[in-house]
Amino acid sequence: MLALAALLLALLARVEIFGHNGYLALRQKRAAYRQEMARLARMQQENRDLHRDIQRLRSDPEAIERIAREQMHLTKPGEVVFTYDPARLHPAPATGARPGGK
């Protein structure tokens, strides 16, 4: 009788720890929940930032001018714009054989 009780207890413990809704599954679900809550918080912050940008673009002429200058490359009369190729300022390292043939 004692062996049967121990066996039932072991089976119950196995289900409670390793089962579909057991302890390990609960830990994984809690970790996933925390990750999703962090993701939600980041998305809410991004949403607030975007709303702030929208309000600024609706009401602030300087913000509109900055966007026009940066994204559309617009200038005021008489201004001179200098452009550069970032790849030429910071060339990628050469690949292949090292100098000296080694």
PDB file of N, CA and C in Angstrom:
ATOM      1  N   MET A   1       0.822  -1.187   0.000  1.00  0.00           N
ATOM      2  CA  MET A   1       0.000   0.000   0.000  1.00  0.00           C
ATOM      3  C   MET A   1       0.878   1.268   0.000  1.00  0.00           C
ATOM      4  N   LEU A   2       1.960   1.219   0.760  1.00  0.00           N
ATOM      5  CA  LEU A   2       2.887   2.355   0.837  1.00  0.00           C
ATOM      6  C   LEU A   2       3.566   2.606  -0.518  1.00  0.00           C
ATOM      7  N   ALA A   3       3.923   1.541  -1.204  1.00  0.00           N
ATOM      8  CA  ALA A   3       4.548   1.669  -2.520  1.00  0.00           C
ATOM      9  C   ALA A   3       3.587   2.283  -3.520  1.00  0.00           C
ATOM     10  N   LEU A   4       2.320   1.892  -3.454  1.00  0.00           N
ATOM     11  CA  LEU A   4       1.301   2.450  -4.356  1.00  0.00           C
ATOM     12  C   LEU A   4       1.123   3.945  -4.081  1.00  0.00           C
ATOM     13  N   ALA A   5       1.091   4.328  -2.830  1.00  0.00           N
ATOM     14  CA  ALA A   5       0.954   5.735  -2.463  1.00  0.00           C
ATOM     15  C   ALA A   5       2.171   6.529  -2.946  1.00  0.00           C
ATOM     16  N   ALA A   6       3.366   5.962  -2.803  1.00  0.00           N
ATOM     17  CA  ALA A   6       4.583   6.636  -3.260  1.00  0.00           C
ATOM     18  C   ALA A   6       4.574   6.781  -4.772  1.00  0.00           C
ATOM     19  N   LEU A   7       4.098   5.749  -5.475  1.00  0.00           N
ATOM     20  CA  LEU A   7       4.015   5.805  -6.933  1.00  0.00           C
ATOM     21  C   LEU A   7       3.031   6.878  -7.383  1.00  0.00           C
ATOM     22  N   LEU A   8       1.869   6.928  -6.737  1.00  0.00           N
ATOM     23  CA  LEU A   8       0.875   7.951  -7.076  1.00  0.00           C
ATOM     24  C   LEU A   8       1.419   9.354  -6.783  1.00  0.00           C
ATOM     25  N   LEU A   9       2.106   9.491  -5.683  1.00  0.00           N
ATOM     26  CA  LEU A   9       2.708  10.780  -5.338  1.00  0.00           C
ATOM     27  C   LEU A   9       3.769  11.185  -6.361  1.00  0.00           C
ATOM     28  N   ALA A  10       4.564  10.244  -6.803  1.00  0.00           N
ATOM     29  CA  ALA A  10       5.591  10.524  -7.816  1.00  0.00           C
ATOM     30  C   ALA A  10       4.945  10.925  -9.140  1.00  0.00           C
ATOM     31  N   LEU A  11       3.883  10.242  -9.536  1.00  0.00           N
ATOM     32  CA  LEU A  11       3.181  10.596 -10.774  1.00  0.00           C
ATOM     33  C   LEU A  11       2.556  11.981 -10.670  1.00  0.00           C
ATOM     34  N   LEU A  12       1.949  12.254  -9.531  1.00  0.00           N
ATOM     35  CA  LEU A  12       1.349  13.571  -9.326  1.00  0.00           C
ATOM     36  C   LEU A  12       2.415  14.660  -9.372  1.00  0.00           C
ATOM     37  N   ALA A  13       3.558  14.423  -8.736  1.00  0.00           N
ATOM     38  CA  ALA A  13       4.650  15.401  -8.747  1.00  0.00           C
ATOM     39  C   ALA A  13       5.163  15.612 -10.165  1.00  0.00           C
ATOM     40  N   ARG A  14       5.249  14.545 -10.915  1.00  0.00           N
ATOM     41  CA  ARG A  14       5.713  14.650 -12.311  1.00  0.00           C
ATOM     42  C   ARG A  14       4.773  15.522 -13.124  1.00  0.00           C
ATOM     43  N   VAL A  15       3.475  15.288 -12.972  1.00  0.00           N
ATOM     44  CA  VAL A  15       2.482  16.080 -13.710  1.00  0.00           C
ATOM     45  C   VAL A  15       2.538  17.540 -13.268  1.00  0.00           C
ATOM     46  N   GLU A  16       2.653  17.775 -11.962  1.00  0.00           N
ATOM     47  CA  GLU A  16       2.668  19.138 -11.442  1.00  0.00           C
ATOM     48  C   GLU A  16       3.922  19.902 -11.852  1.00  0.00           C
ATOM     49  N   ILE A  17       5.010  19.213 -12.061  1.00  0.00           N
ATOM     50  CA  ILE A  17       6.255  19.888 -12.440  1.00  0.00           C
ATOM     51  C   ILE A  17       6.417  19.957 -13.953  1.00  0.00           C
ATOM     52  N   PHE A  18       6.237  18.823 -14.628  1.00  0.00           N
ATOM     53  CA  PHE A  18       6.536  18.742 -16.059  1.00  0.00           C
ATOM     54  C   PHE A  18       5.302  18.755 -16.949  1.00  0.00           C
ATOM     55  N   GLY A  19       4.116  18.771 -16.393  1.00  0.00           N
ATOM     56  CA  GLY A  19       2.889  18.698 -17.176  1.00  0.00           C
ATOM     57  C   GLY A  19       2.648  19.939 -18.015  1.00  0.00           C
ATOM     58  N   HIS A  20       1.590  19.874 -18.826  1.00  0.00           N
ATOM     59  CA  HIS A  20       1.236  20.963 -19.747  1.00  0.00           C
ATOM     60  C   HIS A  20       1.016  22.278 -18.994  1.00  0.00           C
ATOM     61  N   ASN A  21       0.424  22.214 -17.840  1.00  0.00           N
ATOM     62  CA  ASN A  21       0.212  23.401 -17.008  1.00  0.00           C
ATOM     63  C   ASN A  21       0.997  23.306 -15.711  1.00  0.00           C
ATOM     64  N   GLY A  22       2.104  22.602 -15.730  1.00  0.00           N
ATOM     65  CA  GLY A  22       2.921  22.410 -14.539  1.00  0.00           C
ATOM     66  C   GLY A  22       3.805  23.604 -14.232  1.00  0.00           C
ATOM     67  N   TYR A  23       4.665  23.414 -13.251  1.00  0.00           N
ATOM     68  CA  TYR A  23       5.531  24.474 -12.763  1.00  0.00           C
ATOM     69  C   TYR A  23       6.448  25.032 -13.853  1.00  0.00           C
ATOM     70  N   LEU A  24       7.061  24.167 -14.628  1.00  0.00           N
ATOM     71  CA  LEU A  24       7.982  24.631 -15.678  1.00  0.00           C
ATOM     72  C   LEU A  24       7.241  25.397 -16.768  1.00  0.00           C
ATOM     73  N   ALA A  25       6.048  24.913 -17.128  1.00  0.00           N
ATOM     74  CA  ALA A  25       5.248  25.614 -18.123  1.00  0.00           C
ATOM     75  C   ALA A  25       4.819  26.982 -17.597  1.00  0.00           C
ATOM     76  N   LEU A  26       4.483  27.033 -16.313  1.00  0.00           N
ATOM     77  CA  LEU A  26       4.098  28.302 -15.700  1.00  0.00           C
ATOM     78  C   LEU A  26       5.260  29.292 -15.728  1.00  0.00           C
ATOM     79  N   ARG A  27       6.466  28.820 -15.442  1.00  0.00           N
ATOM     80  CA  ARG A  27       7.639  29.704 -15.502  1.00  0.00           C
ATOM     81  C   ARG A  27       7.850  30.241 -16.912  1.00  0.00           C
ATOM     82  N   GLN A  28       7.693  29.388 -17.919  1.00  0.00           N
ATOM     83  CA  GLN A  28       7.856  29.836 -19.306  1.00  0.00           C
ATOM     84  C   GLN A  28       6.780  30.854 -19.669  1.00  0.00           C
ATOM     85  N   LYS A  29       5.566  30.618 -19.237  1.00  0.00           N
ATOM     86  CA  LYS A  29       4.474  31.552 -19.539  1.00  0.00           C
ATOM     87  C   LYS A  29       4.696  32.889 -18.849  1.00  0.00           C
ATOM     88  N   ARG A  30       5.200  32.859 -17.622  1.00  0.00           N
ATOM     89  CA  ARG A  30       5.493  34.111 -16.928  1.00  0.00           C
ATOM     90  C   ARG A  30       6.614  34.883 -17.615  1.00  0.00           C
ATOM     91  N   ALA A  31       7.641  34.174 -18.083  1.00  0.00           N
ATOM     92  CA  ALA A  31       8.739  34.839 -18.800  1.00  0.00           C
ATOM     93  C   ALA A  31       8.228  35.444 -20.102  1.00  0.00           C
ATOM     94  N   ALA A  32       7.387  34.706 -20.811  1.00  0.00           N
ATOM     95  CA  ALA A  32       6.814  35.233 -22.053  1.00  0.00           C
ATOM     96  C   ALA A  32       5.938  36.447 -21.767  1.00  0.00           C
ATOM     97  N   TYR A  33       5.195  36.399 -20.684  1.00  0.00           N
ATOM     98  CA  TYR A  33       4.344  37.529 -20.290  1.00  0.00           C
ATOM     99  C   TYR A  33       5.191  38.767 -20.014  1.00  0.00           C
ATOM    100  N   ARG A  34       6.291  38.596 -19.268  1.00  0.00           N
ATOM    101  CA  ARG A  34       7.173  39.729 -18.972  1.00  0.00           C
ATOM    102  C   ARG A  34       7.765  40.313 -20.258  1.00  0.00           C
ATOM    103  N   GLN A  35       8.151  39.444 -21.184  1.00  0.00           N
ATOM    104  CA  GLN A  35       8.708  39.921 -22.452  1.00  0.00           C
ATOM    105  C   GLN A  35       7.662  40.711 -23.235  1.00  0.00           C
ATOM    106  N   GLU A  36       6.439  40.210 -23.264  1.00  0.00           N
ATOM    107  CA  GLU A  36       5.382  40.908 -23.997  1.00  0.00           C
ATOM    108  C   GLU A  36       5.020  42.234 -23.332  1.00  0.00           C
ATOM    109  N   MET A  37       5.048  42.273 -22.004  1.00  0.00           N
ATOM    110  CA  MET A  37       4.764  43.531 -21.308  1.00  0.00           C
ATOM    111  C   MET A  37       5.862  44.554 -21.585  1.00  0.00           C
ATOM    112  N   ALA A  38       7.103  44.114 -21.643  1.00  0.00           N
ATOM    113  CA  ALA A  38       8.202  45.020 -21.977  1.00  0.00           C
ATOM    114  C   ALA A  38       8.057  45.512 -23.418  1.00  0.00           C
ATOM    115  N   ARG A  39       7.681  44.607 -24.306  1.00  0.00           N
ATOM    116  CA  ARG A  39       7.458  44.984 -25.710  1.00  0.00           C
ATOM    117  C   ARG A  39       6.319  45.993 -25.810  1.00  0.00           C
ATOM    118  N   LEU A  40       5.246  45.756 -25.056  1.00  0.00           N
ATOM    119  CA  LEU A  40       4.110  46.675 -25.039  1.00  0.00           C
ATOM    120  C   LEU A  40       4.536  48.053 -24.532  1.00  0.00           C
ATOM    121  N   ALA A  41       5.340  48.087 -23.476  1.00  0.00           N
ATOM    122  CA  ALA A  41       5.807  49.367 -22.934  1.00  0.00           C
ATOM    123  C   ALA A  41       6.641  50.118 -23.963  1.00  0.00           C
ATOM    124  N   ARG A  42       7.521  49.394 -24.681  1.00  0.00           N
ATOM    125  CA  ARG A  42       8.322  50.048 -25.732  1.00  0.00           C
ATOM    126  C   ARG A  42       7.427  50.594 -26.839  1.00  0.00           C
ATOM    127  N   MET A  43       6.433  49.829 -27.228  1.00  0.00           N
ATOM    128  CA  MET A  43       5.536  50.276 -28.296  1.00  0.00           C
ATOM    129  C   MET A  43       4.691  51.468 -27.846  1.00  0.00           C
ATOM    130  N   GLN A  44       4.270  51.478 -26.577  1.00  0.00           N
ATOM    131  CA  GLN A  44       3.508  52.614 -26.062  1.00  0.00           C
ATOM    132  C   GLN A  44       4.373  53.868 -26.037  1.00  0.00           C
ATOM    133  N   GLN A  45       5.637  53.718 -25.644  1.00  0.00           N
ATOM    134  CA  GLN A  45       6.543  54.867 -25.648  1.00  0.00           C
ATOM    135  C   GLN A  45       6.760  55.367 -27.073  1.00  0.00           C
ATOM    136  N   GLU A  46       6.949  54.453 -28.008  1.00  0.00           N
ATOM    137  CA  GLU A  46       7.113  54.840 -29.415  1.00  0.00           C
ATOM    138  C   GLU A  46       5.869  55.553 -29.920  1.00  0.00           C
ATOM    139  N   ASN A  47       4.699  55.070 -29.516  1.00  0.00           N
ATOM    140  CA  ASN A  47       3.442  55.694 -29.919  1.00  0.00           C
ATOM    141  C   ASN A  47       3.348  57.114 -29.356  1.00  0.00           C
ATOM    142  N   ARG A  48       3.720  57.297 -28.083  1.00  0.00           N
ATOM    143  CA  ARG A  48       3.715  58.642 -27.492  1.00  0.00           C
ATOM    144  C   ARG A  48       4.686  59.556 -28.230  1.00  0.00           C
ATOM    145  N   ASP A  49       5.871  59.040 -28.561  1.00  0.00           N
ATOM    146  CA  ASP A  49       6.855  59.835 -29.308  1.00  0.00           C
ATOM    147  C   ASP A  49       6.317  60.246 -30.670  1.00  0.00           C
ATOM    148  N   LEU A  50       5.664  59.316 -31.353  1.00  0.00           N
ATOM    149  CA  LEU A  50       5.103  59.631 -32.674  1.00  0.00           C
ATOM    150  C   LEU A  50       3.986  60.666 -32.570  1.00  0.00           C
ATOM    151  N   HIS A  51       3.142  60.545 -31.552  1.00  0.00           N
ATOM    152  CA  HIS A  51       2.084  61.541 -31.356  1.00  0.00           C
ATOM    153  C   HIS A  51       2.672  62.916 -31.073  1.00  0.00           C
ATOM    154  N   ARG A  52       3.744  62.943 -30.275  1.00  0.00           N
ATOM    155  CA  ARG A  52       4.407  64.216 -29.988  1.00  0.00           C
ATOM    156  C   ARG A  52       4.985  64.807 -31.276  1.00  0.00           C
ATOM    157  N   ASP A  53       5.586  63.964 -32.117  1.00  0.00           N
ATOM    158  CA  ASP A  53       6.127  64.436 -33.394  1.00  0.00           C
ATOM    159  C   ASP A  53       5.017  64.965 -34.299  1.00  0.00           C
ATOM    160  N   ILE A  54       3.891  64.277 -34.314  1.00  0.00           N
ATOM    161  CA  ILE A  54       2.761  64.727 -35.132  1.00  0.00           C
ATOM    162  C   ILE A  54       2.293  66.103 -34.670  1.00  0.00           C
ATOM    163  N   GLN A  55       2.138  66.272 -33.361  1.00  0.00           N
ATOM    164  CA  GLN A  55       1.701  67.569 -32.845  1.00  0.00           C
ATOM    165  C   GLN A  55       2.718  68.659 -33.172  1.00  0.00           C
ATOM    166  N   ARG A  56       3.990  68.324 -33.065  1.00  0.00           N
ATOM    167  CA  ARG A  56       5.032  69.298 -33.385  1.00  0.00           C
ATOM    168  C   ARG A  56       4.974  69.685 -34.861  1.00  0.00           C
ATOM    169  N   LEU A  57       4.769  68.699 -35.737  1.00  0.00           N
ATOM    170  CA  LEU A  57       4.705  69.006 -37.173  1.00  0.00           C
ATOM    171  C   LEU A  57       3.448  69.786 -37.529  1.00  0.00           C
ATOM    172  N   ARG A  58       2.400  69.629 -36.757  1.00  0.00           N
ATOM    173  CA  ARG A  58       1.170  70.392 -37.019  1.00  0.00           C
ATOM    174  C   ARG A  58       1.288  71.838 -36.560  1.00  0.00           C
ATOM    175  N   SER A  59       2.129  72.101 -35.565  1.00  0.00           N
ATOM    176  CA  SER A  59       2.119  73.431 -34.966  1.00  0.00           C
ATOM    177  C   SER A  59       3.442  74.177 -35.030  1.00  0.00           C
ATOM    178  N   ASP A  60       4.547  73.513 -35.307  1.00  0.00           N
ATOM    179  CA  ASP A  60       5.861  74.148 -35.234  1.00  0.00           C
ATOM    180  C   ASP A  60       6.473  74.280 -36.627  1.00  0.00           C
ATOM    181  N   PRO A  61       6.500  75.489 -37.168  1.00  0.00           N
ATOM    182  CA  PRO A  61       7.073  75.684 -38.507  1.00  0.00           C
ATOM    183  C   PRO A  61       8.546  75.280 -38.587  1.00  0.00           C
ATOM    184  N   GLU A  62       9.295  75.439 -37.512  1.00  0.00           N
ATOM    185  CA  GLU A  62      10.706  75.049 -37.528  1.00  0.00           C
ATOM    186  C   GLU A  62      10.865  73.541 -37.681  1.00  0.00           C
ATOM    187  N   ALA A  63       9.968  72.776 -37.084  1.00  0.00           N
ATOM    188  CA  ALA A  63      10.022  71.319 -37.221  1.00  0.00           C
ATOM    189  C   ALA A  63       9.742  70.916 -38.670  1.00  0.00           C
ATOM    190  N   ILE A  64       8.785  71.589 -39.285  1.00  0.00           N
ATOM    191  CA  ILE A  64       8.461  71.302 -40.688  1.00  0.00           C
ATOM    192  C   ILE A  64       9.657  71.650 -41.570  1.00  0.00           C
ATOM    193  N   GLU A  65      10.279  72.786 -41.302  1.00  0.00           N
ATOM    194  CA  GLU A  65      11.449  73.190 -42.090  1.00  0.00           C
ATOM    195  C   GLU A  65      12.590  72.187 -41.927  1.00  0.00           C
ATOM    196  N   ARG A  66      12.821  71.721 -40.707  1.00  0.00           N
ATOM    197  CA  ARG A  66      13.892  70.760 -40.468  1.00  0.00           C
ATOM    198  C   ARG A  66      13.660  69.481 -41.261  1.00  0.00           C
ATOM    199  N   ILE A  67      12.435  68.986 -41.260  1.00  0.00           N
ATOM    200  CA  ILE A  67      12.122  67.769 -42.022  1.00  0.00           C
ATOM    201  C   ILE A  67      12.314  68.027 -43.513  1.00  0.00           C
ATOM    202  N   ALA A  68      11.863  69.161 -43.998  1.00  0.00           N
ATOM    203  CA  ALA A  68      12.008  69.479 -45.413  1.00  0.00           C
ATOM    204  C   ALA A  68      13.481  69.548 -45.812  1.00  0.00           C
ATOM    205  N   ARG A  69      14.300  70.110 -44.959  1.00  0.00           N
ATOM    206  CA  ARG A  69      15.716  70.220 -45.265  1.00  0.00           C
ATOM    207  C   ARG A  69      16.410  68.859 -45.224  1.00  0.00           C
ATOM    208  N   GLU A  70      16.083  68.056 -44.208  1.00  0.00           N
ATOM    209  CA  GLU A  70      16.772  66.773 -44.038  1.00  0.00           C
ATOM    210  C   GLU A  70      16.320  65.725 -45.049  1.00  0.00           C
ATOM    211  N   GLN A  71      15.024  65.579 -45.201  1.00  0.00           N
ATOM    212  CA  GLN A  71      14.520  64.472 -46.010  1.00  0.00           C
ATOM    213  C   GLN A  71      14.329  64.828 -47.471  1.00  0.00           C
ATOM    214  N   MET A  72      14.000  66.073 -47.731  1.00  0.00           N
ATOM    215  CA  MET A  72      13.718  66.463 -49.118  1.00  0.00           C
ATOM    216  C   MET A  72      14.854  67.288 -49.717  1.00  0.00           C
ATOM    217  N   HIS A  73      15.880  67.547 -48.908  1.00  0.00           N
ATOM    218  CA  HIS A  73      17.063  68.286 -49.358  1.00  0.00           C
ATOM    219  C   HIS A  73      16.699  69.656 -49.921  1.00  0.00           C
ATOM    220  N   LEU A  74      15.750  70.327 -49.262  1.00  0.00           N
ATOM    221  CA  LEU A  74      15.358  71.661 -49.690  1.00  0.00           C
ATOM    222  C   LEU A  74      16.287  72.695 -49.059  1.00  0.00           C
ATOM    223  N   THR A  75      16.460  73.811 -49.754  1.00  0.00           N
ATOM    224  CA  THR A  75      17.320  74.876 -49.267  1.00  0.00           C
ATOM    225  C   THR A  75      16.603  76.205 -49.424  1.00  0.00           C
ATOM    226  N   LYS A  76      17.114  77.181 -48.713  1.00  0.00           N
ATOM    227  CA  LYS A  76      16.624  78.547 -48.880  1.00  0.00           C
ATOM    228  C   LYS A  76      17.399  79.178 -50.022  1.00  0.00           C
ATOM    229  N   PRO A  77      16.843  80.202 -50.652  1.00  0.00           N
ATOM    230  CA  PRO A  77      17.575  80.872 -51.730  1.00  0.00           C
ATOM    231  C   PRO A  77      18.913  81.402 -51.223  1.00  0.00           C
ATOM    232  N   GLY A  78      19.963  81.141 -51.984  1.00  0.00           N
ATOM    233  CA  GLY A  78      21.291  81.616 -51.648  1.00  0.00           C
ATOM    234  C   GLY A  78      22.102  80.649 -50.799  1.00  0.00           C
ATOM    235  N   GLU A  79      21.503  79.578 -50.303  1.00  0.00           N
ATOM    236  CA  GLU A  79      22.247  78.610 -49.509  1.00  0.00           C
ATOM    237  C   GLU A  79      22.999  77.657 -50.415  1.00  0.00           C
ATOM    238  N   VAL A  80      24.134  77.187 -49.922  1.00  0.00           N
ATOM    239  CA  VAL A  80      24.925  76.210 -50.640  1.00  0.00           C
ATOM    240  C   VAL A  80      24.941  74.935 -49.804  1.00  0.00           C
ATOM    241  N   VAL A  81      24.677  73.800 -50.443  1.00  0.00           N
ATOM    242  CA  VAL A  81      24.635  72.523 -49.736  1.00  0.00           C
ATOM    243  C   VAL A  81      25.841  71.700 -50.143  1.00  0.00           C
ATOM    244  N   PHE A  82      26.549  71.192 -49.174  1.00  0.00           N
ATOM    245  CA  PHE A  82      27.668  70.301 -49.418  1.00  0.00           C
ATOM    246  C   PHE A  82      27.221  68.889 -49.081  1.00  0.00           C
ATOM    247  N   THR A  83      27.457  67.977 -49.991  1.00  0.00           N
ATOM    248  CA  THR A  83      27.135  66.575 -49.722  1.00  0.00           C
ATOM    249  C   THR A  83      28.416  65.763 -49.800  1.00  0.00           C
ATOM    250  N   TYR A  84      28.391  64.608 -49.158  1.00  0.00           N
ATOM    251  CA  TYR A  84      29.554  63.734 -49.168  1.00  0.00           C
ATOM    252  C   TYR A  84      29.080  62.295 -49.172  1.00  0.00           C
ATOM    253  N   ASP A  85      29.971  61.447 -49.591  1.00  0.00           N
ATOM    254  CA  ASP A  85      29.697  60.015 -49.604  1.00  0.00           C
ATOM    255  C   ASP A  85      30.334  59.417 -48.358  1.00  0.00           C
ATOM    256  N   PRO A  86      29.519  58.948 -47.394  1.00  0.00           N
ATOM    257  CA  PRO A  86      30.093  58.402 -46.157  1.00  0.00           C
ATOM    258  C   PRO A  86      31.033  57.227 -46.410  1.00  0.00           C
ATOM    259  N   ALA A  87      30.814  56.490 -47.467  1.00  0.00           N
ATOM    260  CA  ALA A  87      31.682  55.344 -47.767  1.00  0.00           C
ATOM    261  C   ALA A  87      33.097  55.805 -48.113  1.00  0.00           C
ATOM    262  N   ARG A  88      33.220  56.987 -48.688  1.00  0.00           N
ATOM    263  CA  ARG A  88      34.552  57.481 -49.028  1.00  0.00           C
ATOM    264  C   ARG A  88      35.279  58.001 -47.795  1.00  0.00           C
ATOM    265  N   LEU A  89      34.529  58.487 -46.798  1.00  0.00           N
ATOM    266  CA  LEU A  89      35.162  58.964 -45.567  1.00  0.00           C
ATOM    267  C   LEU A  89      35.586  57.805 -44.670  1.00  0.00           C
ATOM    268  N   HIS A  90      34.797  56.732 -44.679  1.00  0.00           N
ATOM    269  CA  HIS A  90      35.062  55.564 -43.837  1.00  0.00           C
ATOM    270  C   HIS A  90      35.027  54.318 -44.710  1.00  0.00           C
ATOM    271  N   PRO A  91      36.074  54.087 -45.493  1.00  0.00           N
ATOM    272  CA  PRO A  91      36.043  52.927 -46.397  1.00  0.00           C
ATOM    273  C   PRO A  91      36.023  51.621 -45.625  1.00  0.00           C
ATOM    274  N   ALA A  92      35.363  50.641 -46.204  1.00  0.00           N
ATOM    275  CA  ALA A  92      35.294  49.309 -45.591  1.00  0.00           C
ATOM    276  C   ALA A  92      36.671  48.651 -45.674  1.00  0.00           C
ATOM    277  N   PRO A  93      37.027  47.857 -44.674  1.00  0.00           N
ATOM    278  CA  PRO A  93      38.327  47.189 -44.720  1.00  0.00           C
ATOM    279  C   PRO A  93      38.387  46.215 -45.900  1.00  0.00           C
ATOM    280  N   ALA A  94      39.550  46.141 -46.503  1.00  0.00           N
ATOM    281  CA  ALA A  94      39.740  45.263 -47.662  1.00  0.00           C
ATOM    282  C   ALA A  94      39.700  43.818 -47.200  1.00  0.00           C
ATOM    283  N   THR A  95      39.178  42.967 -48.057  1.00  0.00           N
ATOM    284  CA  THR A  95      39.151  41.534 -47.752  1.00  0.00           C
ATOM    285  C   THR A  95      40.122  40.819 -48.678  1.00  0.00           C
ATOM    286  N   GLY A  96      40.461  39.617 -48.307  1.00  0.00           N
ATOM    287  CA  GLY A  96      41.366  38.846 -49.172  1.00  0.00           C
ATOM    288  C   GLY A  96      42.703  38.636 -48.489  1.00  0.00           C
ATOM    289  N   ALA A  97      43.727  38.462 -49.302  1.00  0.00           N
ATOM    290  CA  ALA A  97      45.064  38.150 -48.802  1.00  0.00           C
ATOM    291  C   ALA A  97      45.662  39.356 -48.083  1.00  0.00           C
ATOM    292  N   ARG A  98      46.441  39.085 -47.057  1.00  0.00           N
ATOM    293  CA  ARG A  98      47.135  40.137 -46.330  1.00  0.00           C
ATOM    294  C   ARG A  98      48.368  40.561 -47.100  1.00  0.00           C
ATOM    295  N   PRO A  99      48.837  41.779 -46.869  1.00  0.00           N
ATOM    296  CA  PRO A  99      50.071  42.216 -47.541  1.00  0.00           C
ATOM    297  C   PRO A  99      51.220  41.306 -47.193  1.00  0.00           C
ATOM    298  N   GLY A 100      52.082  41.071 -48.126  1.00  0.00           N
ATOM    299  CA  GLY A 100      53.234  40.205 -47.913  1.00  0.00           C
ATOM    300  C   GLY A 100      52.984  38.791 -48.405  1.00  0.00           C
ATOM    301  N   GLY A 101      51.775  38.519 -48.892  1.00  0.00           N
ATOM    302  CA  GLY A 101      51.481  37.202 -49.470  1.00  0.00           C
ATOM    303  C   GLY A 101      51.324  36.089 -48.468  1.00  0.00           C
ATOM    304  N   LYS A 102      51.071  36.381 -47.208  1.00  0.00           N
ATOM    305  CA  LYS A 102      50.921  35.313 -46.200  1.00  0.00           C
ATOM    306  C   LYS A 102      49.496  35.081 -45.844  1.00  0.00           C
TER     307      LYS A 102
END
